[in-house]
Amino acid sequence: MRVVFQSNSWVQFGFVLALLRDAGLGPIELDTHVSAMEGNIGVFPRRIVVADDEERQALRVLREAGEIV
């Protein structure tokens, strides 16, 4: 599994998750429980991971959407 995105912003996180799912990828959310336990004050970013063989496509999708440089 490879981390392709992390953010403290719930809105941006949801958008990226939807982008990856729409592209036919199988993203997995990490750290959602930690974020909830800390009261959503934004100390711990949530992460999105994809399978190793999906990393290249995921990064391309995020680049095209302007979510990563």
Protein backbone atom coordinates (compact mmCIF):
# COMPACT_ATOMS: atom_id res chain seq x y z
CA MET A 1 0.00 0.00 0.00
CA ARG A 2 1.18 3.49 -0.87
CA VAL A 3 0.11 6.81 0.63
CA VAL A 4 -1.03 9.06 -2.21
CA PHE A 5 -2.70 11.83 -0.24
CA GLN A 6 -3.03 13.26 3.26
CA SER A 7 -4.91 16.24 4.55
CA ASN A 8 -6.49 17.85 7.58
CA SER A 9 -9.31 19.20 5.42
CA TRP A 10 -12.39 16.97 5.48
CA VAL A 11 -13.73 18.59 2.32
CA GLN A 12 -10.55 18.14 0.31
CA PHE A 13 -10.14 14.61 1.66
CA GLY A 14 -13.65 13.66 0.54
CA PHE A 15 -13.08 15.20 -2.88
CA VAL A 16 -9.86 13.27 -3.44
CA LEU A 17 -11.47 10.05 -2.24
CA ALA A 18 -14.32 10.54 -4.73
CA LEU A 19 -11.84 11.29 -7.55
CA LEU A 20 -9.96 8.07 -6.93
CA ARG A 21 -13.12 5.98 -6.66
CA ASP A 22 -14.52 7.51 -9.86
CA ALA A 23 -11.28 6.54 -11.60
CA GLY A 24 -11.97 2.90 -10.70
CA LEU A 25 -9.33 2.68 -8.00
CA GLY A 26 -9.75 1.18 -4.54
CA PRO A 27 -8.57 3.86 -2.10
CA ILE A 28 -8.48 3.08 1.62
CA GLU A 29 -8.89 5.74 4.31
CA LEU A 30 -6.45 5.70 7.21
CA ASP A 31 -6.47 7.61 10.50
CA THR A 32 -10.20 8.38 10.46
CA HIS A 33 -10.61 7.19 14.05
CA VAL A 34 -7.61 9.16 15.27
CA SER A 35 -9.03 12.30 13.68
CA ALA A 36 -12.37 11.71 15.39
CA MET A 37 -10.77 11.06 18.78
CA GLU A 38 -8.76 14.29 18.70
CA GLY A 39 -11.98 16.24 18.26
CA ASN A 40 -11.48 17.15 14.61
CA ILE A 41 -9.16 20.02 15.51
CA GLY A 42 -6.85 19.10 12.64
CA VAL A 43 -3.80 17.89 14.52
CA PHE A 44 -3.58 14.51 12.78
CA PRO A 45 -4.03 14.41 9.01
CA ARG A 46 -6.08 11.63 7.47
CA ARG A 47 -4.36 9.57 4.78
CA ILE A 48 -5.47 7.80 1.62
CA VAL A 49 -3.58 4.73 0.42
CA VAL A 50 -3.91 2.64 -2.72
CA ALA A 51 -2.47 -0.70 -3.76
CA ASP A 52 1.11 -0.57 -5.02
CA ASP A 53 0.03 -1.31 -8.59
CA GLU A 54 -2.51 1.57 -8.51
CA GLU A 55 -0.12 4.24 -7.24
CA ARG A 56 0.94 5.56 -10.65
CA GLN A 57 -2.65 5.93 -11.86
CA ALA A 58 -3.79 7.50 -8.57
CA LEU A 59 -1.04 10.11 -8.70
CA ARG A 60 -1.89 10.90 -12.32
CA VAL A 61 -5.57 11.39 -11.42
CA LEU A 62 -4.67 13.71 -8.53
CA ARG A 63 -2.18 15.67 -10.65
CA GLU A 64 -4.76 16.20 -13.41
CA ALA A 65 -7.29 17.41 -10.85
CA GLY A 66 -4.75 19.87 -9.41
CA GLU A 67 -4.68 18.23 -6.01
CA ILE A 68 -0.95 17.54 -6.09
CA VAL A 69 1.93 19.19 -7.91
